[in-house]
Amino acid sequence: LDKLRTLPVLLLHGDADTVVPVDQSKRFVMAMMQG
């Protein structure tokens, strides 16, 4: 995540996604917000 510092990122994910679990975005967003 340090390599993405200052990078504006928009994540869009559906809560009914059965291919890529939505937690792939949620965990990333939480970590980004904490940083």
Full PDB file with SEQRES, HELIX, SHEET, SSBOND, CRYST1, ORIGX, SCALE, CONECT and MASTER records, all heavy atoms in Angstrom:
SEQRES   1 A   35  LEU ASP LYS LEU ARG THR LEU PRO VAL LEU LEU LEU HIS          
SEQRES   2 A   35  GLY ASP ALA ASP THR VAL VAL PRO VAL ASP GLN SER LYS          
SEQRES   3 A   35  ARG PHE VAL MET ALA MET MET GLN GLY                          
HELIX    1 AA1 ASP A    2  LEU A    4  5                                   3    
HELIX    2 AA2 ASP A   23  GLN A   34  1                                  12    
CRYST1    1.000    1.000    1.000  90.00  90.00  90.00 P 1           1          
ORIGX1      1.000000  0.000000  0.000000        0.00000                         
ORIGX2      0.000000  1.000000  0.000000        0.00000                         
ORIGX3      0.000000  0.000000  1.000000        0.00000                         
SCALE1      1.000000  0.000000  0.000000        0.00000                         
SCALE2      0.000000  1.000000  0.000000        0.00000                         
SCALE3      0.000000  0.000000  1.000000        0.00000                         
ATOM      1  N   LEU A   1       0.820  -1.220   0.000  1.00  0.00           N  
ATOM      2  CA  LEU A   1       0.000   0.000   0.000  1.00  0.00           C  
ATOM      3  C   LEU A   1       0.849   1.264   0.000  1.00  0.00           C  
ATOM      4  O   LEU A   1       0.406   2.313  -0.474  1.00  0.00           O  
ATOM      5  CB  LEU A   1      -0.928  -0.002   1.222  1.00  0.00           C  
ATOM      6  CG  LEU A   1      -1.983  -1.119   1.266  1.00  0.00           C  
ATOM      7  CD1 LEU A   1      -2.858  -0.959   2.491  1.00  0.00           C  
ATOM      8  CD2 LEU A   1      -2.832  -1.120   0.004  1.00  0.00           C  
ATOM      9  N   ASP A   2       2.071   1.163   0.507  1.00  0.00           N  
ATOM     10  CA  ASP A   2       2.956   2.324   0.542  1.00  0.00           C  
ATOM     11  C   ASP A   2       3.270   2.833  -0.865  1.00  0.00           C  
ATOM     12  O   ASP A   2       3.525   4.025  -1.066  1.00  0.00           O  
ATOM     13  CB  ASP A   2       4.259   1.992   1.277  1.00  0.00           C  
ATOM     14  CG  ASP A   2       5.004   0.826   0.630  1.00  0.00           C  
ATOM     15  OD1 ASP A   2       4.364  -0.232   0.407  1.00  0.00           O  
ATOM     16  OD2 ASP A   2       6.202   0.961   0.344  1.00  0.00           O  
ATOM     17  N   LYS A   3       3.220   1.936  -1.850  1.00  0.00           N  
ATOM     18  CA  LYS A   3       3.514   2.329  -3.229  1.00  0.00           C  
ATOM     19  C   LYS A   3       2.331   3.039  -3.890  1.00  0.00           C  
ATOM     20  O   LYS A   3       2.457   3.544  -5.002  1.00  0.00           O  
ATOM     21  CB  LYS A   3       3.917   1.105  -4.043  1.00  0.00           C  
ATOM     22  CG  LYS A   3       5.229   0.489  -3.583  1.00  0.00           C  
ATOM     23  CD  LYS A   3       5.660  -0.661  -4.473  1.00  0.00           C  
ATOM     24  CE  LYS A   3       6.996  -1.230  -4.010  1.00  0.00           C  
ATOM     25  NZ  LYS A   3       7.451  -2.357  -4.858  1.00  0.00           N  
ATOM     26  N   LEU A   4       1.198   3.052  -3.211  1.00  0.00           N  
ATOM     27  CA  LEU A   4       0.013   3.730  -3.736  1.00  0.00           C  
ATOM     28  C   LEU A   4      -0.262   5.028  -2.995  1.00  0.00           C  
ATOM     29  O   LEU A   4      -1.314   5.638  -3.172  1.00  0.00           O  
ATOM     30  CB  LEU A   4      -1.209   2.809  -3.642  1.00  0.00           C  
ATOM     31  CG  LEU A   4      -1.108   1.466  -4.371  1.00  0.00           C  
ATOM     32  CD1 LEU A   4      -2.387   0.661  -4.180  1.00  0.00           C  
ATOM     33  CD2 LEU A   4      -0.816   1.660  -5.853  1.00  0.00           C  
ATOM     34  N   ARG A   5       0.668   5.440  -2.162  1.00  0.00           N  
ATOM     35  CA  ARG A   5       0.481   6.675  -1.397  1.00  0.00           C  
ATOM     36  C   ARG A   5       0.284   7.859  -2.348  1.00  0.00           C  
ATOM     37  O   ARG A   5       0.978   7.989  -3.343  1.00  0.00           O  
ATOM     38  CB  ARG A   5       1.693   6.923  -0.490  1.00  0.00           C  
ATOM     39  CG  ARG A   5       1.490   8.052   0.511  1.00  0.00           C  
ATOM     40  CD  ARG A   5       2.608   8.076   1.539  1.00  0.00           C  
ATOM     41  NE  ARG A   5       2.633   6.847   2.326  1.00  0.00           N  
ATOM     42  CZ  ARG A   5       1.831   6.597   3.355  1.00  0.00           C  
ATOM     43  NH1 ARG A   5       0.915   7.485   3.695  1.00  0.00           N  
ATOM     44  NH2 ARG A   5       1.939   5.470   4.018  1.00  0.00           N  
ATOM     45  N   THR A   6      -0.674   8.676  -2.045  1.00  0.00           N  
ATOM     46  CA  THR A   6      -1.089   9.864  -2.806  1.00  0.00           C  
ATOM     47  C   THR A   6      -1.874   9.516  -4.077  1.00  0.00           C  
ATOM     48  O   THR A   6      -2.328  10.422  -4.783  1.00  0.00           O  
ATOM     49  CB  THR A   6       0.092  10.780  -3.204  1.00  0.00           C  
ATOM     50  OG1 THR A   6       0.840  10.197  -4.277  1.00  0.00           O  
ATOM     51  CG2 THR A   6       0.994  11.058  -2.015  1.00  0.00           C  
ATOM     52  N   LEU A   7      -2.046   8.223  -4.382  1.00  0.00           N  
ATOM     53  CA  LEU A   7      -2.786   7.846  -5.586  1.00  0.00           C  
ATOM     54  C   LEU A   7      -4.288   7.881  -5.326  1.00  0.00           C  
ATOM     55  O   LEU A   7      -4.790   7.166  -4.461  1.00  0.00           O  
ATOM     56  CB  LEU A   7      -2.402   6.434  -6.028  1.00  0.00           C  
ATOM     57  CG  LEU A   7      -3.230   5.864  -7.191  1.00  0.00           C  
ATOM     58  CD1 LEU A   7      -2.827   6.550  -8.501  1.00  0.00           C  
ATOM     59  CD2 LEU A   7      -3.050   4.354  -7.303  1.00  0.00           C  
ATOM     60  N   PRO A   8      -5.049   8.674  -6.063  1.00  0.00           N  
ATOM     61  CA  PRO A   8      -6.516   8.633  -5.930  1.00  0.00           C  
ATOM     62  C   PRO A   8      -7.049   7.324  -6.524  1.00  0.00           C  
ATOM     63  O   PRO A   8      -6.757   6.996  -7.674  1.00  0.00           O  
ATOM     64  CB  PRO A   8      -6.978   9.838  -6.753  1.00  0.00           C  
ATOM     65  CG  PRO A   8      -5.770  10.717  -6.888  1.00  0.00           C  
ATOM     66  CD  PRO A   8      -4.618   9.767  -6.949  1.00  0.00           C  
ATOM     67  N   VAL A   9      -7.818   6.583  -5.728  1.00  0.00           N  
ATOM     68  CA  VAL A   9      -8.353   5.298  -6.159  1.00  0.00           C  
ATOM     69  C   VAL A   9      -9.864   5.279  -5.941  1.00  0.00           C  
ATOM     70  O   VAL A   9     -10.345   5.625  -4.864  1.00  0.00           O  
ATOM     71  CB  VAL A   9      -7.718   4.118  -5.391  1.00  0.00           C  
ATOM     72  CG1 VAL A   9      -8.320   2.788  -5.851  1.00  0.00           C  
ATOM     73  CG2 VAL A   9      -6.211   4.096  -5.582  1.00  0.00           C  
ATOM     74  N   LEU A  10     -10.594   4.847  -6.967  1.00  0.00           N  
ATOM     75  CA  LEU A  10     -12.036   4.625  -6.859  1.00  0.00           C  
ATOM     76  C   LEU A  10     -12.283   3.134  -7.005  1.00  0.00           C  
ATOM     77  O   LEU A  10     -11.867   2.517  -7.995  1.00  0.00           O  
ATOM     78  CB  LEU A  10     -12.783   5.386  -7.961  1.00  0.00           C  
ATOM     79  CG  LEU A  10     -14.277   5.079  -8.122  1.00  0.00           C  
ATOM     80  CD1 LEU A  10     -15.055   5.485  -6.874  1.00  0.00           C  
ATOM     81  CD2 LEU A  10     -14.847   5.770  -9.361  1.00  0.00           C  
ATOM     82  N   LEU A  11     -12.943   2.530  -6.023  1.00  0.00           N  
ATOM     83  CA  LEU A  11     -13.304   1.113  -6.086  1.00  0.00           C  
ATOM     84  C   LEU A  11     -14.811   0.975  -6.176  1.00  0.00           C  
ATOM     85  O   LEU A  11     -15.556   1.595  -5.408  1.00  0.00           O  
ATOM     86  CB  LEU A  11     -12.811   0.356  -4.843  1.00  0.00           C  
ATOM     87  CG  LEU A  11     -11.410  -0.246  -4.954  1.00  0.00           C  
ATOM     88  CD1 LEU A  11     -10.366   0.821  -4.684  1.00  0.00           C  
ATOM     89  CD2 LEU A  11     -11.236  -1.396  -3.987  1.00  0.00           C  
ATOM     90  N   LEU A  12     -15.249   0.133  -7.110  1.00  0.00           N  
ATOM     91  CA  LEU A  12     -16.659  -0.159  -7.283  1.00  0.00           C  
ATOM     92  C   LEU A  12     -16.839  -1.673  -7.228  1.00  0.00           C  
ATOM     93  O   LEU A  12     -16.139  -2.415  -7.919  1.00  0.00           O  
ATOM     94  CB  LEU A  12     -17.148   0.362  -8.642  1.00  0.00           C  
ATOM     95  CG  LEU A  12     -16.922   1.855  -8.912  1.00  0.00           C  
ATOM     96  CD1 LEU A  12     -17.210   2.190 -10.376  1.00  0.00           C  
ATOM     97  CD2 LEU A  12     -17.785   2.707  -7.994  1.00  0.00           C  
ATOM     98  N   HIS A  13     -17.760  -2.135  -6.389  1.00  0.00           N  
ATOM     99  CA  HIS A  13     -17.964  -3.581  -6.232  1.00  0.00           C  
ATOM    100  C   HIS A  13     -19.419  -3.825  -5.854  1.00  0.00           C  
ATOM    101  O   HIS A  13     -20.030  -3.025  -5.138  1.00  0.00           O  
ATOM    102  CB  HIS A  13     -17.052  -4.131  -5.132  1.00  0.00           C  
ATOM    103  CG  HIS A  13     -16.586  -5.531  -5.380  1.00  0.00           C  
ATOM    104  ND1 HIS A  13     -15.254  -5.909  -5.256  1.00  0.00           N  
ATOM    105  CD2 HIS A  13     -17.254  -6.654  -5.745  1.00  0.00           C  
ATOM    106  CE1 HIS A  13     -15.146  -7.203  -5.533  1.00  0.00           C  
ATOM    107  NE2 HIS A  13     -16.345  -7.673  -5.826  1.00  0.00           N  
ATOM    108  N   GLY A  14     -19.971  -4.922  -6.342  1.00  0.00           N  
ATOM    109  CA  GLY A  14     -21.338  -5.262  -6.002  1.00  0.00           C  
ATOM    110  C   GLY A  14     -21.395  -6.233  -4.841  1.00  0.00           C  
ATOM    111  O   GLY A  14     -20.552  -7.124  -4.733  1.00  0.00           O  
ATOM    112  N   ASP A  15     -22.397  -6.081  -3.976  1.00  0.00           N  
ATOM    113  CA  ASP A  15     -22.482  -6.977  -2.820  1.00  0.00           C  
ATOM    114  C   ASP A  15     -23.035  -8.354  -3.195  1.00  0.00           C  
ATOM    115  O   ASP A  15     -23.088  -9.258  -2.360  1.00  0.00           O  
ATOM    116  CB  ASP A  15     -23.312  -6.347  -1.692  1.00  0.00           C  
ATOM    117  CG  ASP A  15     -24.780  -6.126  -2.074  1.00  0.00           C  
ATOM    118  OD1 ASP A  15     -25.182  -6.490  -3.210  1.00  0.00           O  
ATOM    119  OD2 ASP A  15     -25.527  -5.596  -1.230  1.00  0.00           O  
ATOM    120  N   ALA A  16     -23.420  -8.535  -4.480  1.00  0.00           N  
ATOM    121  CA  ALA A  16     -23.915  -9.834  -4.946  1.00  0.00           C  
ATOM    122  C   ALA A  16     -22.924 -10.497  -5.908  1.00  0.00           C  
ATOM    123  O   ALA A  16     -23.296 -11.386  -6.674  1.00  0.00           O  
ATOM    124  CB  ALA A  16     -25.272  -9.671  -5.621  1.00  0.00           C  
ATOM    125  N   ASP A  17     -21.672 -10.068  -5.853  1.00  0.00           N  
ATOM    126  CA  ASP A  17     -20.627 -10.617  -6.727  1.00  0.00           C  
ATOM    127  C   ASP A  17     -20.249 -12.019  -6.260  1.00  0.00           C  
ATOM    128  O   ASP A  17     -19.810 -12.202  -5.124  1.00  0.00           O  
ATOM    129  CB  ASP A  17     -19.393  -9.707  -6.684  1.00  0.00           C  
ATOM    130  CG  ASP A  17     -18.383 -10.006  -7.790  1.00  0.00           C  
ATOM    131  OD1 ASP A  17     -18.236 -11.186  -8.160  1.00  0.00           O  
ATOM    132  OD2 ASP A  17     -17.750  -9.054  -8.268  1.00  0.00           O  
ATOM    133  N   THR A  18     -20.398 -13.023  -7.136  1.00  0.00           N  
ATOM    134  CA  THR A  18     -20.064 -14.407  -6.792  1.00  0.00           C  
ATOM    135  C   THR A  18     -18.775 -14.863  -7.466  1.00  0.00           C  
ATOM    136  O   THR A  18     -18.398 -16.023  -7.355  1.00  0.00           O  
ATOM    137  CB  THR A  18     -21.206 -15.361  -7.208  1.00  0.00           C  
ATOM    138  OG1 THR A  18     -21.428 -15.246  -8.619  1.00  0.00           O  
ATOM    139  CG2 THR A  18     -22.481 -15.033  -6.464  1.00  0.00           C  
ATOM    140  N   VAL A  19     -18.101 -13.951  -8.167  1.00  0.00           N  
ATOM    141  CA  VAL A  19     -16.839 -14.292  -8.837  1.00  0.00           C  
ATOM    142  C   VAL A  19     -15.648 -13.785  -8.041  1.00  0.00           C  
ATOM    143  O   VAL A  19     -14.799 -14.557  -7.600  1.00  0.00           O  
ATOM    144  CB  VAL A  19     -16.818 -13.735 -10.276  1.00  0.00           C  
ATOM    145  CG1 VAL A  19     -15.486 -14.057 -10.959  1.00  0.00           C  
ATOM    146  CG2 VAL A  19     -17.967 -14.321 -11.087  1.00  0.00           C  
ATOM    147  N   VAL A  20     -15.572 -12.488  -7.852  1.00  0.00           N  
ATOM    148  CA  VAL A  20     -14.546 -11.898  -6.985  1.00  0.00           C  
ATOM    149  C   VAL A  20     -15.236 -11.466  -5.698  1.00  0.00           C  
ATOM    150  O   VAL A  20     -16.066 -10.551  -5.716  1.00  0.00           O  
ATOM    151  CB  VAL A  20     -13.858 -10.688  -7.650  1.00  0.00           C  
ATOM    152  CG1 VAL A  20     -12.879 -10.034  -6.671  1.00  0.00           C  
ATOM    153  CG2 VAL A  20     -13.128 -11.111  -8.911  1.00  0.00           C  
ATOM    154  N   PRO A  21     -14.938 -12.126  -4.586  1.00  0.00           N  
ATOM    155  CA  PRO A  21     -15.602 -11.789  -3.321  1.00  0.00           C  
ATOM    156  C   PRO A  21     -15.467 -10.308  -2.987  1.00  0.00           C  
ATOM    157  O   PRO A  21     -14.401  -9.713  -3.183  1.00  0.00           O  
ATOM    158  CB  PRO A  21     -14.866 -12.664  -2.293  1.00  0.00           C  
ATOM    159  CG  PRO A  21     -14.356 -13.824  -3.097  1.00  0.00           C  
ATOM    160  CD  PRO A  21     -13.984 -13.235  -4.436  1.00  0.00           C  
ATOM    161  N   VAL A  22     -16.536  -9.720  -2.490  1.00  0.00           N  
ATOM    162  CA  VAL A  22     -16.531  -8.293  -2.201  1.00  0.00           C  
ATOM    163  C   VAL A  22     -15.511  -7.937  -1.131  1.00  0.00           C  
ATOM    164  O   VAL A  22     -15.058  -6.784  -1.056  1.00  0.00           O  
ATOM    165  CB  VAL A  22     -17.953  -7.826  -1.799  1.00  0.00           C  
ATOM    166  CG1 VAL A  22     -18.342  -8.366  -0.436  1.00  0.00           C  
ATOM    167  CG2 VAL A  22     -18.067  -6.315  -1.854  1.00  0.00           C  
ATOM    168  N   ASP A  23     -15.091  -8.911  -0.333  1.00  0.00           N  
ATOM    169  CA  ASP A  23     -14.096  -8.600   0.699  1.00  0.00           C  
ATOM    170  C   ASP A  23     -12.732  -8.267   0.084  1.00  0.00           C  
ATOM    171  O   ASP A  23     -11.880  -7.682   0.745  1.00  0.00           O  
ATOM    172  CB  ASP A  23     -13.983  -9.725   1.739  1.00  0.00           C  
ATOM    173  CG  ASP A  23     -13.112 -10.887   1.281  1.00  0.00           C  
ATOM    174  OD1 ASP A  23     -13.113 -11.204   0.074  1.00  0.00           O  
ATOM    175  OD2 ASP A  23     -12.445 -11.494   2.144  1.00  0.00           O  
ATOM    176  N   GLN A  24     -12.517  -8.621  -1.195  1.00  0.00           N  
ATOM    177  CA  GLN A  24     -11.286  -8.211  -1.870  1.00  0.00           C  
ATOM    178  C   GLN A  24     -11.213  -6.683  -1.948  1.00  0.00           C  
ATOM    179  O   GLN A  24     -10.138  -6.100  -1.852  1.00  0.00           O  
ATOM    180  CB  GLN A  24     -11.222  -8.814  -3.276  1.00  0.00           C  
ATOM    181  CG  GLN A  24     -10.879 -10.294  -3.319  1.00  0.00           C  
ATOM    182  CD  GLN A  24      -9.394 -10.552  -3.174  1.00  0.00           C  
ATOM    183  OE1 GLN A  24      -8.560  -9.682  -3.432  1.00  0.00           O  
ATOM    184  NE2 GLN A  24      -9.039 -11.768  -2.754  1.00  0.00           N  
ATOM    185  N   SER A  25     -12.343  -6.040  -2.093  1.00  0.00           N  
ATOM    186  CA  SER A  25     -12.383  -4.575  -2.103  1.00  0.00           C  
ATOM    187  C   SER A  25     -12.484  -4.009  -0.687  1.00  0.00           C  
ATOM    188  O   SER A  25     -11.804  -3.043  -0.338  1.00  0.00           O  
ATOM    189  CB  SER A  25     -13.568  -4.083  -2.938  1.00  0.00           C  
ATOM    190  OG  SER A  25     -13.339  -4.280  -4.315  1.00  0.00           O  
ATOM    191  N   LYS A  26     -13.329  -4.621   0.140  1.00  0.00           N  
ATOM    192  CA  LYS A  26     -13.542  -4.094   1.492  1.00  0.00           C  
ATOM    193  C   LYS A  26     -12.259  -4.058   2.317  1.00  0.00           C  
ATOM    194  O   LYS A  26     -11.962  -3.067   2.991  1.00  0.00           O  
ATOM    195  CB  LYS A  26     -14.599  -4.934   2.210  1.00  0.00           C  
ATOM    196  CG  LYS A  26     -16.031  -4.629   1.818  1.00  0.00           C  
ATOM    197  CD  LYS A  26     -16.991  -5.465   2.654  1.00  0.00           C  
ATOM    198  CE  LYS A  26     -18.400  -4.960   2.560  1.00  0.00           C  
ATOM    199  NZ  LYS A  26     -19.346  -5.732   3.383  1.00  0.00           N  
ATOM    200  N   ARG A  27     -11.509  -5.139   2.286  1.00  0.00           N  
ATOM    201  CA  ARG A  27     -10.277  -5.213   3.069  1.00  0.00           C  
ATOM    202  C   ARG A  27      -9.254  -4.205   2.557  1.00  0.00           C  
ATOM    203  O   ARG A  27      -8.529  -3.579   3.332  1.00  0.00           O  
ATOM    204  CB  ARG A  27      -9.701  -6.626   3.038  1.00  0.00           C  
ATOM    205  CG  ARG A  27     -10.599  -7.661   3.735  1.00  0.00           C  
ATOM    206  CD  ARG A  27     -10.080  -9.084   3.586  1.00  0.00           C  
ATOM    207  NE  ARG A  27      -8.893  -9.311   4.376  1.00  0.00           N  
ATOM    208  CZ  ARG A  27      -7.664  -9.488   3.868  1.00  0.00           C  
ATOM    209  NH1 ARG A  27      -7.475  -9.448   2.556  1.00  0.00           N  
ATOM    210  NH2 ARG A  27      -6.632  -9.688   4.656  1.00  0.00           N  
ATOM    211  N   PHE A  28      -9.200  -4.058   1.241  1.00  0.00           N  
ATOM    212  CA  PHE A  28      -8.282  -3.099   0.638  1.00  0.00           C  
ATOM    213  C   PHE A  28      -8.655  -1.668   1.036  1.00  0.00           C  
ATOM    214  O   PHE A  28      -7.794  -0.872   1.422  1.00  0.00           O  
ATOM    215  CB  PHE A  28      -8.311  -3.249  -0.882  1.00  0.00           C  
ATOM    216  CG  PHE A  28      -7.496  -2.230  -1.625  1.00  0.00           C  
ATOM    217  CD1 PHE A  28      -6.120  -2.337  -1.706  1.00  0.00           C  
ATOM    218  CD2 PHE A  28      -8.120  -1.156  -2.255  1.00  0.00           C  
ATOM    219  CE1 PHE A  28      -5.372  -1.394  -2.395  1.00  0.00           C  
ATOM    220  CE2 PHE A  28      -7.383  -0.208  -2.950  1.00  0.00           C  
ATOM    221  CZ  PHE A  28      -6.004  -0.336  -3.022  1.00  0.00           C  
ATOM    222  N   VAL A  29      -9.940  -1.356   0.954  1.00  0.00           N  
ATOM    223  CA  VAL A  29     -10.404  -0.010   1.289  1.00  0.00           C  
ATOM    224  C   VAL A  29     -10.129   0.303   2.759  1.00  0.00           C  
ATOM    225  O   VAL A  29      -9.665   1.400   3.104  1.00  0.00           O  
ATOM    226  CB  VAL A  29     -11.903   0.140   0.977  1.00  0.00           C  
ATOM    227  CG1 VAL A  29     -12.454   1.429   1.567  1.00  0.00           C  
ATOM    228  CG2 VAL A  29     -12.122   0.121  -0.533  1.00  0.00           C  
ATOM    229  N   MET A  30     -10.390  -0.656   3.625  1.00  0.00           N  
ATOM    230  CA  MET A  30     -10.154  -0.444   5.051  1.00  0.00           C  
ATOM    231  C   MET A  30      -8.685  -0.160   5.326  1.00  0.00           C  
ATOM    232  O   MET A  30      -8.340   0.757   6.085  1.00  0.00           O  
ATOM    233  CB  MET A  30     -10.610  -1.672   5.851  1.00  0.00           C  
ATOM    234  CG  MET A  30     -10.501  -1.485   7.361  1.00  0.00           C  
ATOM    235  SD  MET A  30     -11.163  -2.897   8.283  1.00  0.00           S  
ATOM    236  CE  MET A  30     -12.887  -2.810   7.803  1.00  0.00           C  
ATOM    237  N   ALA A  31      -7.812  -0.935   4.676  1.00  0.00           N  
ATOM    238  CA  ALA A  31      -6.375  -0.734   4.861  1.00  0.00           C  
ATOM    239  C   ALA A  31      -5.939   0.616   4.301  1.00  0.00           C  
ATOM    240  O   ALA A  31      -5.105   1.315   4.890  1.00  0.00           O  
ATOM    241  CB  ALA A  31      -5.603  -1.862   4.193  1.00  0.00           C  
ATOM    242  N   MET A  32      -6.495   0.993   3.163  1.00  0.00           N  
ATOM    243  CA  MET A  32      -6.162   2.291   2.571  1.00  0.00           C  
ATOM    244  C   MET A  32      -6.622   3.436   3.474  1.00  0.00           C  
ATOM    245  O   MET A  32      -5.892   4.418   3.671  1.00  0.00           O  
ATOM    246  CB  MET A  32      -6.821   2.413   1.196  1.00  0.00           C  
ATOM    247  CG  MET A  32      -6.225   1.529   0.121  1.00  0.00           C  
ATOM    248  SD  MET A  32      -4.707   2.190  -0.611  1.00  0.00           S  
ATOM    249  CE  MET A  32      -5.377   3.435  -1.727  1.00  0.00           C  
ATOM    250  N   MET A  33      -7.807   3.308   4.038  1.00  0.00           N  
ATOM    251  CA  MET A  33      -8.322   4.358   4.912  1.00  0.00           C  
ATOM    252  C   MET A  33      -7.495   4.474   6.186  1.00  0.00           C  
ATOM    253  O   MET A  33      -7.227   5.576   6.668  1.00  0.00           O  
ATOM    254  CB  MET A  33      -9.784   4.078   5.238  1.00  0.00           C  
ATOM    255  CG  MET A  33     -10.720   4.228   4.034  1.00  0.00           C  
ATOM    256  SD  MET A  33     -12.455   3.841   4.417  1.00  0.00           S  
ATOM    257  CE  MET A  33     -12.859   5.205   5.518  1.00  0.00           C  
ATOM    258  N   GLN A  34      -7.084   3.336   6.722  1.00  0.00           N  
ATOM    259  CA  GLN A  34      -6.254   3.354   7.923  1.00  0.00           C  
ATOM    260  C   GLN A  34      -4.922   4.048   7.658  1.00  0.00           C  
ATOM    261  O   GLN A  34      -4.357   4.694   8.538  1.00  0.00           O  
ATOM    262  CB  GLN A  34      -6.027   1.928   8.424  1.00  0.00           C  
ATOM    263  CG  GLN A  34      -7.270   1.293   9.023  1.00  0.00           C  
ATOM    264  CD  GLN A  34      -7.070  -0.153   9.416  1.00  0.00           C  
ATOM    265  OE1 GLN A  34      -6.079  -0.799   9.036  1.00  0.00           O  
ATOM    266  NE2 GLN A  34      -8.001  -0.688  10.191  1.00  0.00           N  
ATOM    267  N   GLY A  35      -4.421   3.899   6.438  1.00  0.00           N  
ATOM    268  CA  GLY A  35      -3.175   4.548   6.062  1.00  0.00           C  
ATOM    269  C   GLY A  35      -3.375   5.955   5.534  1.00  0.00           C  
ATOM    270  O   GLY A  35      -2.430   6.591   5.072  1.00  0.00           O  
TER     271      GLY A  35                                                      
MASTER        0    0    0    2    0    0    0    6  270    1    0    3          
END                                                                             
